[in-house]
Amino acid sequence: MRKTVILILLFTTCSEVFSQKIIPISKTDLGIKLIDNNLQVKMAKKEAELAQADLLGTRAMYLPNVTASYTFTNTNNPLMAFGSRLNQERITMMDFNPDNLNSPKSISNFGTKVEVQQPIINMDAVYQKKAGQVKAEVLNIKTERTREYVQFELKKSYMMLQLAYKMLETLENAKQTTLANKKVIENYYKNGMIQKSEVLYVDVRISEIESQIQTAKSNIRNASDYLYFILDENSDNKVLKPTESLQYTEYIIDSNLKLNDNRKDLQAYQKSLEAYDWMIKSSKAKFLPKLSAFGSFEMYDNKAAQFNANGYLAGIQLSWNVFDGLKAKSEQEKCKAERSKAETEIEQYTKQSQLELNKASRQIEDVQSKVSFTKQAWEQSKEAYRIRKNRYDQGLEKSADLLSAETLMSQKELEYQQAVFEYNVAWEYQRFLEK
């Protein structure tokens, strides 16, 4: 009764795992999937958008700055009082009386002022804008490289899903083989030809396979969920199933691969040096003269919302920073040091990338050998199982030996499928590094 309850619970659990809708998917389907919704790609795009937003701030170098104000003051300060009456165009001869000049009555003043400042020449800002444009280009290139990496992750995840289904298939076949052997062993036991312990060995093996099957089903769900995560799609009550099974295809291996200088990440690094060059020019340009125009229009009255007096001011200003306490010089040296550091980082990254490419090429060779060896071991284990099965049917082998041979055969098949997966992933990774 207890065994029956356990089997029912196990069946219920397995049914719940696969109660979700099965969605078939192929490599072609993945190829046409839009990955712009991927969270990693989104973050890269947002960084590029931030750079574009910062670039908008450089428009101040050629657009005017316009401000407007409305001010109320009340004063009996002699100078301020006389100036307020003068701005209001209300000066009379009595205002020149020394007593009125020295001790004026308090006066209210309502002033409206519109000011305009128009940059004409500012080389410092021009070079800063060019540096900002380069930075935006660099981040756009990095976004493209992020897309390429996500495409690799998508292919890798699809192969993980293939492997999970292949392992489940292998374990299901092993279970059927073991169940067939169990019938034979139980018949031998009923006829008194073997002991009870040999029947128990079969039950133990079946329990092991059931546990592995449950793990394989969980791996299928995990791989499916990860694919949905990469695509940023909802995975509720849905499980993906690949239309192509895991296959081994031997590729031609090139052991002398050279790093592609046009690879997106290397392009971005090299492009960033250009931004540092513009920043160095910008720091030098701080000592160049700046030319700007300015103007204002003012209206005054001693009553609110009245504009009886007005005037304007316009001019051009040429200014330059003769000495700023070596602040601009310090910025210049800092930019040079940062550029030098960036060059060193690029050199290090390039050499590391070449090492990674060489490592990937050697890994393909290693895994290719692993595929060959595991396939050979699998074929040998199948032949060993066939021989032991024939001998067992003739009463020349023990049940434990037969189960051991079956276990080894199943294990070697799983190792072979794992090696094929590693080979395919290694090949796709090398292609990603070659781009």
Protein backbone atom coordinates (compact mmCIF):
# COMPACT_ATOMS: atom_id res chain seq x y z
CA MET A 1 0.00 0.00 0.00
CA ARG A 2 2.84 2.36 0.91
CA LYS A 3 4.59 1.70 -2.41
CA THR A 4 1.34 2.39 -4.24
CA VAL A 5 0.95 5.79 -2.52
CA ILE A 6 4.55 6.72 -3.37
CA LEU A 7 4.04 5.80 -7.04
CA ILE A 8 0.84 7.85 -7.17
CA LEU A 9 2.61 10.89 -5.69
CA LEU A 10 5.50 10.50 -8.10
CA PHE A 11 3.13 10.23 -11.05
CA THR A 12 1.25 13.32 -9.87
CA THR A 13 4.47 15.28 -9.57
CA CYS A 14 5.61 14.29 -13.04
CA SER A 15 2.19 15.17 -14.45
CA GLU A 16 2.34 18.62 -12.86
CA VAL A 17 5.79 19.21 -14.33
CA PHE A 18 4.56 18.50 -17.85
CA SER A 19 1.06 19.90 -17.52
CA GLN A 20 2.29 23.08 -19.14
CA LYS A 21 1.73 23.75 -22.81
CA ILE A 22 4.52 22.36 -25.02
CA ILE A 23 5.76 24.98 -27.51
CA PRO A 24 7.88 23.62 -30.39
CA ILE A 25 10.76 25.86 -31.44
CA SER A 26 13.51 25.54 -34.05
CA LYS A 27 16.85 27.19 -34.69
CA THR A 28 15.21 29.14 -37.51
CA ASP A 29 12.57 30.44 -35.10
CA LEU A 30 15.31 31.66 -32.75
CA GLY A 31 17.14 33.31 -35.64
CA ILE A 32 14.19 35.55 -36.45
CA LYS A 33 13.39 36.34 -32.81
CA LEU A 34 13.91 39.98 -31.86
CA ILE A 35 16.36 40.24 -28.96
CA ASP A 36 15.94 43.98 -28.42
CA ASN A 37 13.70 43.12 -25.47
CA ASN A 38 16.54 41.27 -23.78
CA LEU A 39 17.35 43.03 -20.51
CA GLN A 40 21.08 43.10 -21.20
CA VAL A 41 20.51 44.67 -24.62
CA LYS A 42 18.06 47.14 -23.09
CA MET A 43 20.65 48.29 -20.54
CA ALA A 44 23.24 48.76 -23.29
CA LYS A 45 20.75 50.79 -25.32
CA LYS A 46 19.91 52.93 -22.29
CA GLU A 47 23.60 53.73 -21.80
CA ALA A 48 23.76 54.86 -25.43
CA GLU A 49 20.63 56.96 -24.92
CA LEU A 50 22.20 58.58 -21.84
CA ALA A 51 25.22 59.55 -23.94
CA GLN A 52 22.89 61.08 -26.55
CA ALA A 53 21.10 63.00 -23.79
CA ASP A 54 24.42 64.35 -22.50
CA LEU A 55 25.23 65.37 -26.06
CA LEU A 56 22.15 67.60 -26.14
CA GLY A 57 23.78 69.75 -23.46
CA THR A 58 26.49 70.79 -25.92
CA ARG A 59 23.89 72.73 -27.94
CA ALA A 60 24.47 75.56 -25.47
CA MET A 61 27.64 76.43 -27.40
CA TYR A 62 25.61 77.87 -30.31
CA LEU A 63 22.13 78.46 -28.88
CA PRO A 64 21.30 81.66 -26.95
CA ASN A 65 20.61 81.78 -23.25
CA VAL A 66 17.46 83.84 -22.56
CA THR A 67 16.27 84.82 -19.08
CA ALA A 68 13.36 87.01 -17.94
CA SER A 69 12.73 88.50 -14.50
CA TYR A 70 10.23 90.74 -12.73
CA THR A 71 11.58 92.47 -9.62
CA PHE A 72 10.08 94.67 -6.91
CA THR A 73 12.25 96.87 -4.67
CA ASN A 74 11.59 99.58 -2.12
CA THR A 75 14.46 101.74 -0.88
CA ASN A 76 15.47 105.11 0.60
CA ASN A 77 19.16 104.59 -0.21
CA PRO A 78 20.21 107.84 -1.90
CA LEU A 79 22.01 106.24 -4.81
CA MET A 80 19.43 103.51 -5.34
CA ALA A 81 16.49 105.89 -4.98
CA PHE A 82 17.92 108.35 -7.54
CA GLY A 83 18.73 105.48 -9.92
CA SER A 84 15.23 104.04 -9.60
CA ARG A 85 13.60 107.40 -10.42
CA LEU A 86 16.00 107.80 -13.32
CA ASN A 87 15.10 104.34 -14.69
CA GLN A 88 11.41 105.25 -14.31
CA GLU A 89 12.07 108.47 -16.30
CA ARG A 90 10.54 110.60 -13.49
CA ILE A 91 13.48 112.89 -12.73
CA THR A 92 12.59 116.55 -12.20
CA MET A 93 14.61 119.58 -11.13
CA MET A 94 13.44 119.12 -7.53
CA ASP A 95 15.20 115.75 -7.46
CA PHE A 96 18.53 117.61 -7.72
CA ASN A 97 17.86 119.46 -4.48
CA PRO A 98 20.69 118.41 -2.10
CA ASP A 99 18.18 117.67 0.66
CA ASN A 100 16.23 115.34 -1.66
CA LEU A 101 19.43 113.77 -2.90
CA ASN A 102 20.86 113.15 0.56
CA SER A 103 17.63 112.13 2.29
CA PRO A 104 15.23 110.84 -0.34
CA LYS A 105 11.84 109.45 0.44
CA SER A 106 11.41 105.71 -0.01
CA ILE A 107 10.63 104.77 -3.57
CA SER A 108 9.11 101.63 -5.02
CA ASN A 109 10.37 100.18 -8.25
CA PHE A 110 8.88 97.46 -10.46
CA GLY A 111 11.38 96.21 -13.02
CA THR A 112 10.95 93.83 -15.93
CA LYS A 113 14.13 92.56 -17.59
CA VAL A 114 14.83 90.22 -20.51
CA GLU A 115 18.47 89.18 -21.00
CA VAL A 116 20.03 87.36 -23.96
CA GLN A 117 23.52 85.84 -24.10
CA GLN A 118 24.67 84.42 -27.43
CA PRO A 119 27.95 82.47 -27.71
CA ILE A 120 29.76 83.14 -30.97
CA ILE A 121 33.14 81.43 -30.65
CA ASN A 122 33.90 78.89 -27.91
CA MET A 123 36.40 76.26 -29.07
CA ASP A 124 36.39 74.60 -25.65
CA ALA A 125 32.73 73.67 -26.05
CA VAL A 126 33.25 72.65 -29.70
CA TYR A 127 35.82 70.02 -28.74
CA GLN A 128 33.70 68.83 -25.83
CA LYS A 129 30.84 68.25 -28.25
CA LYS A 130 33.05 66.20 -30.56
CA ALA A 131 34.18 64.11 -27.57
CA GLY A 132 30.52 63.55 -26.65
CA GLN A 133 29.70 62.45 -30.20
CA VAL A 134 32.52 59.91 -30.14
CA LYS A 135 31.34 58.59 -26.76
CA ALA A 136 27.84 58.08 -28.17
CA GLU A 137 29.29 56.19 -31.15
CA VAL A 138 31.35 53.98 -28.80
CA LEU A 139 28.27 53.03 -26.78
CA ASN A 140 26.32 52.25 -29.95
CA ILE A 141 29.11 49.89 -31.03
CA LYS A 142 29.08 48.27 -27.57
CA THR A 143 25.33 47.76 -27.93
CA GLU A 144 25.92 45.86 -31.18
CA ARG A 145 28.51 43.67 -29.43
CA THR A 146 26.03 43.01 -26.63
CA ARG A 147 23.50 41.87 -29.23
CA GLU A 148 26.07 39.45 -30.66
CA TYR A 149 26.75 38.03 -27.20
CA VAL A 150 23.05 37.59 -26.51
CA GLN A 151 22.71 35.76 -29.84
CA PHE A 152 25.46 33.38 -28.69
CA GLU A 153 23.70 32.89 -25.35
CA LEU A 154 20.48 32.17 -27.22
CA LYS A 155 22.14 29.44 -29.29
CA LYS A 156 23.85 28.00 -26.22
CA SER A 157 20.57 27.92 -24.30
CA TYR A 158 18.83 26.18 -27.21
CA MET A 159 21.55 23.51 -27.16
CA MET A 160 21.08 23.16 -23.39
CA LEU A 161 17.41 22.50 -24.06
CA GLN A 162 18.34 19.92 -26.71
CA LEU A 163 20.69 18.21 -24.25
CA ALA A 164 18.03 18.14 -21.52
CA TYR A 165 15.52 16.43 -23.83
CA LYS A 166 18.19 14.04 -25.12
CA MET A 167 19.10 13.01 -21.58
CA LEU A 168 15.44 12.45 -20.76
CA GLU A 169 15.09 10.29 -23.85
CA THR A 170 18.19 8.28 -22.89
CA LEU A 171 16.94 7.74 -19.37
CA GLU A 172 13.47 6.74 -20.57
CA ASN A 173 15.09 4.14 -22.87
CA ALA A 174 17.22 2.91 -19.98
CA LYS A 175 14.08 2.60 -17.89
CA GLN A 176 12.33 0.53 -20.55
CA THR A 177 15.37 -1.71 -20.87
CA THR A 178 15.53 -2.21 -17.11
CA LEU A 179 11.79 -2.92 -16.89
CA ALA A 180 12.15 -5.55 -19.62
CA ASN A 181 15.01 -7.11 -17.69
CA LYS A 182 12.92 -6.97 -14.54
CA LYS A 183 10.25 -9.20 -16.09
CA VAL A 184 12.86 -11.80 -16.96
CA ILE A 185 14.44 -11.61 -13.50
CA GLU A 186 11.06 -11.93 -11.78
CA ASN A 187 10.26 -15.02 -13.87
CA TYR A 188 13.59 -16.55 -12.86
CA TYR A 189 12.81 -15.78 -9.22
CA LYS A 190 9.34 -17.35 -9.45
CA ASN A 191 10.94 -20.48 -10.85
CA GLY A 192 13.43 -20.52 -8.01
CA MET A 193 16.40 -19.98 -10.27
CA ILE A 194 17.69 -16.77 -8.51
CA GLN A 195 17.51 -15.23 -5.08
CA LYS A 196 15.30 -12.37 -3.87
CA SER A 197 18.31 -10.04 -3.61
CA GLU A 198 18.67 -9.98 -7.40
CA VAL A 199 15.09 -8.78 -7.76
CA LEU A 200 15.80 -6.04 -5.24
CA TYR A 201 18.82 -4.94 -7.27
CA VAL A 202 16.46 -4.28 -10.19
CA ASP A 203 14.11 -2.23 -8.00
CA VAL A 204 17.06 -0.16 -6.78
CA ARG A 205 18.16 0.48 -10.37
CA ILE A 206 14.64 1.51 -11.40
CA SER A 207 14.48 3.92 -8.45
CA GLU A 208 17.80 5.45 -9.54
CA ILE A 209 16.54 5.94 -13.08
CA GLU A 210 13.26 7.48 -11.84
CA SER A 211 15.25 9.97 -9.78
CA GLN A 212 17.42 10.84 -12.80
CA ILE A 213 14.33 11.22 -14.97
CA GLN A 214 12.82 13.66 -12.50
CA THR A 215 16.06 15.68 -12.54
CA ALA A 216 16.07 15.63 -16.35
CA LYS A 217 12.51 16.99 -16.43
CA SER A 218 13.52 19.78 -14.06
CA ASN A 219 16.50 20.55 -16.33
CA ILE A 220 14.12 20.82 -19.28
CA ARG A 221 11.99 23.31 -17.39
CA ASN A 222 15.07 25.27 -16.29
CA ALA A 223 16.48 25.43 -19.83
CA SER A 224 13.09 26.48 -21.21
CA ASP A 225 12.70 29.20 -18.57
CA TYR A 226 16.19 30.53 -19.34
CA LEU A 227 15.37 30.80 -23.04
CA TYR A 228 12.22 32.75 -22.18
CA PHE A 229 14.33 34.95 -19.87
CA ILE A 230 16.79 35.77 -22.65
CA LEU A 231 13.91 36.66 -24.96
CA ASP A 232 12.17 38.53 -22.12
CA GLU A 233 8.96 36.60 -22.71
CA ASN A 234 6.45 35.16 -20.28
CA SER A 235 7.11 31.49 -19.49
CA ASP A 236 4.05 30.78 -17.33
CA ASN A 237 2.57 27.32 -18.06
CA LYS A 238 4.72 26.95 -21.18
CA VAL A 239 7.64 24.65 -21.93
CA LEU A 240 9.74 24.92 -25.06
CA LYS A 241 10.67 21.81 -27.04
CA PRO A 242 13.32 21.89 -29.80
CA THR A 243 12.26 20.54 -33.18
CA GLU A 244 15.85 19.45 -33.91
CA SER A 245 17.61 16.91 -31.72
CA LEU A 246 21.14 17.28 -30.44
CA GLN A 247 23.49 16.30 -33.29
CA TYR A 248 27.22 16.09 -33.76
CA THR A 249 28.64 17.79 -36.85
CA GLU A 250 32.38 17.78 -37.33
CA TYR A 251 33.82 21.13 -38.40
CA ILE A 252 37.20 22.00 -39.88
CA ILE A 253 39.41 23.32 -37.08
CA ASP A 254 41.82 26.20 -37.71
CA SER A 255 44.50 26.22 -35.02
CA ASN A 256 46.09 29.50 -36.24
CA LEU A 257 43.20 31.90 -35.78
CA LYS A 258 44.02 35.60 -35.71
CA LEU A 259 42.00 38.15 -33.80
CA ASN A 260 39.68 40.22 -35.96
CA ASP A 261 40.60 43.90 -35.50
CA ASN A 262 37.13 44.88 -36.71
CA ARG A 263 35.40 43.03 -33.88
CA LYS A 264 32.83 45.32 -32.29
CA ASP A 265 34.37 45.43 -28.80
CA LEU A 266 37.85 46.18 -30.18
CA GLN A 267 36.38 48.89 -32.39
CA ALA A 268 34.74 50.47 -29.36
CA TYR A 269 38.00 50.48 -27.40
CA GLN A 270 39.95 52.04 -30.26
CA LYS A 271 37.22 54.60 -30.84
CA SER A 272 37.33 55.65 -27.19
CA LEU A 273 40.89 56.93 -27.70
CA GLU A 274 39.50 59.50 -30.13
CA ALA A 275 37.25 60.85 -27.37
CA TYR A 276 40.29 61.34 -25.12
CA ASP A 277 42.04 63.25 -27.93
CA TRP A 278 39.12 65.66 -28.20
CA MET A 279 39.05 66.14 -24.41
CA ILE A 280 42.77 67.01 -24.45
CA LYS A 281 42.10 69.59 -27.19
CA SER A 282 39.21 70.95 -25.14
CA SER A 283 41.42 71.44 -22.08
CA LYS A 284 43.99 73.28 -24.23
CA ALA A 285 41.26 75.44 -25.78
CA LYS A 286 40.34 76.84 -22.36
CA PHE A 287 43.18 79.35 -22.88
CA LEU A 288 41.77 80.55 -26.22
CA PRO A 289 39.64 83.73 -26.35
CA LYS A 290 35.87 83.38 -26.24
CA LEU A 291 33.59 85.67 -28.22
CA SER A 292 29.99 86.21 -27.21
CA ALA A 293 27.22 88.74 -27.69
CA PHE A 294 24.85 89.96 -25.01
CA GLY A 295 21.86 92.20 -24.74
CA SER A 296 18.99 93.15 -22.44
CA PHE A 297 15.68 95.01 -22.60
CA GLU A 298 14.38 96.59 -19.37
CA MET A 299 11.06 98.22 -18.36
CA TYR A 300 10.47 100.13 -15.09
CA ASP A 301 7.59 101.80 -13.23
CA ASN A 302 6.65 102.76 -9.68
CA LYS A 303 3.38 100.83 -10.01
CA ALA A 304 2.80 97.14 -10.47
CA ALA A 305 2.08 95.88 -14.00
CA GLN A 306 3.01 99.27 -15.48
CA PHE A 307 5.78 99.65 -18.08
CA ASN A 308 6.06 103.38 -18.79
CA ALA A 309 9.86 103.51 -18.98
CA ASN A 310 12.16 101.21 -20.93
CA GLY A 311 15.68 100.87 -22.24
CA TYR A 312 18.06 98.37 -23.82
CA LEU A 313 21.68 97.33 -23.65
CA ALA A 314 23.62 95.40 -26.34
CA GLY A 315 27.26 94.53 -26.85
CA ILE A 316 29.94 92.02 -27.78
CA GLN A 317 32.48 90.60 -25.35
CA LEU A 318 35.87 89.07 -26.10
CA SER A 319 37.30 87.29 -23.08
CA TRP A 320 40.02 84.83 -22.32
CA ASN A 321 41.29 83.01 -19.30
CA VAL A 322 44.79 84.32 -18.72
CA PHE A 323 45.50 82.32 -15.56
CA ASP A 324 43.17 79.97 -13.68
CA GLY A 325 45.54 78.64 -11.05
CA LEU A 326 46.68 75.85 -13.44
CA LYS A 327 43.24 74.26 -13.31
CA ALA A 328 43.03 73.80 -17.11
CA LYS A 329 46.60 72.50 -17.18
CA SER A 330 45.70 69.95 -14.51
CA GLU A 331 42.68 68.79 -16.54
CA GLN A 332 44.89 68.46 -19.60
CA GLU A 333 47.42 66.28 -17.78
CA LYS A 334 44.63 64.18 -16.31
CA CYS A 335 43.17 63.54 -19.77
CA LYS A 336 46.58 62.55 -21.08
CA ALA A 337 47.09 60.13 -18.20
CA GLU A 338 43.61 58.62 -18.72
CA ARG A 339 44.34 58.19 -22.43
CA SER A 340 47.62 56.47 -21.68
CA LYS A 341 45.84 54.17 -19.23
CA ALA A 342 43.19 53.41 -21.84
CA GLU A 343 45.89 52.47 -24.36
CA THR A 344 47.39 50.03 -21.85
CA GLU A 345 43.97 48.55 -21.13
CA ILE A 346 43.32 48.12 -24.86
CA GLU A 347 46.63 46.34 -25.30
CA GLN A 348 45.87 44.06 -22.37
CA TYR A 349 42.33 43.36 -23.59
CA THR A 350 43.55 42.61 -27.13
CA LYS A 351 46.13 40.12 -25.90
CA GLN A 352 43.60 38.51 -23.57
CA SER A 353 41.15 38.22 -26.46
CA GLN A 354 43.78 36.48 -28.60
CA LEU A 355 44.52 34.11 -25.72
CA GLU A 356 40.80 33.41 -25.35
CA LEU A 357 40.52 32.70 -29.06
CA ASN A 358 43.49 30.31 -28.93
CA LYS A 359 42.01 28.64 -25.87
CA ALA A 360 38.64 28.24 -27.62
CA SER A 361 40.34 26.62 -30.62
CA ARG A 362 42.22 24.15 -28.41
CA GLN A 363 39.03 23.46 -26.46
CA ILE A 364 37.29 22.43 -29.69
CA GLU A 365 40.11 19.97 -30.39
CA ASP A 366 39.87 18.59 -26.84
CA VAL A 367 36.11 18.20 -26.93
CA GLN A 368 36.28 16.68 -30.41
CA SER A 369 38.58 14.00 -28.99
CA LYS A 370 36.20 13.62 -26.05
CA VAL A 371 33.31 13.04 -28.46
CA SER A 372 35.30 10.35 -30.26
CA PHE A 373 36.36 8.59 -27.05
CA THR A 374 32.91 8.71 -25.42
CA LYS A 375 31.27 7.42 -28.61
CA GLN A 376 33.73 4.56 -28.72
CA ALA A 377 33.13 3.81 -25.03
CA TRP A 378 29.38 3.92 -25.63
CA GLU A 379 29.63 1.48 -28.55
CA GLN A 380 31.82 -0.83 -26.49
CA SER A 381 29.43 -0.67 -23.52
CA LYS A 382 26.50 -1.52 -25.81
CA GLU A 383 28.37 -4.53 -27.13
CA ALA A 384 29.32 -5.58 -23.60
CA TYR A 385 25.69 -5.31 -22.54
CA ARG A 386 24.56 -7.36 -25.54
CA ILE A 387 27.03 -10.12 -24.69
CA ARG A 388 26.06 -10.14 -21.02
CA LYS A 389 22.35 -10.13 -21.94
CA ASN A 390 22.82 -13.18 -24.18
CA ARG A 391 24.84 -14.97 -21.49
CA TYR A 392 22.24 -14.03 -18.88
CA ASP A 393 19.45 -15.46 -21.01
CA GLN A 394 21.48 -18.67 -21.10
CA GLY A 395 21.90 -18.62 -17.31
CA LEU A 396 25.65 -17.89 -17.49
CA GLU A 397 25.61 -14.38 -15.88
CA LYS A 398 24.32 -12.95 -12.64
CA SER A 399 21.57 -10.34 -12.51
CA ALA A 400 23.93 -7.90 -10.80
CA ASP A 401 26.38 -8.18 -13.71
CA LEU A 402 23.60 -7.58 -16.22
CA LEU A 403 22.38 -4.50 -14.33
CA SER A 404 25.95 -3.22 -14.03
CA ALA A 405 26.40 -3.55 -17.79
CA GLU A 406 23.09 -1.76 -18.45
CA THR A 407 24.02 1.04 -16.03
CA LEU A 408 27.40 1.48 -17.69
CA MET A 409 25.80 1.59 -21.15
CA SER A 410 23.34 4.28 -20.04
CA GLN A 411 26.09 6.27 -18.35
CA LYS A 412 28.33 6.19 -21.45
CA GLU A 413 25.46 7.35 -23.65
CA LEU A 414 24.84 10.30 -21.33
CA GLU A 415 28.56 11.13 -21.38
CA TYR A 416 28.52 11.05 -25.18
CA GLN A 417 25.54 13.41 -25.39
CA GLN A 418 27.25 15.75 -22.90
CA ALA A 419 30.42 15.74 -25.04
CA VAL A 420 28.40 16.57 -28.18
CA PHE A 421 26.80 19.48 -26.34
CA GLU A 422 30.19 20.78 -25.17
CA TYR A 423 31.56 20.51 -28.71
CA ASN A 424 28.66 22.46 -30.24
CA VAL A 425 28.90 25.16 -27.57
CA ALA A 426 32.68 25.43 -28.02
CA TRP A 427 32.24 25.84 -31.77
CA GLU A 428 29.61 28.57 -31.38
CA TYR A 429 31.78 30.35 -28.81
CA GLN A 430 34.74 30.37 -31.19
CA ARG A 431 32.51 31.83 -33.92
CA PHE A 432 31.45 34.53 -31.47
CA LEU A 433 35.09 35.36 -30.69
CA GLU A 434 35.93 35.47 -34.39
CA LYS A 435 33.30 38.09 -35.29
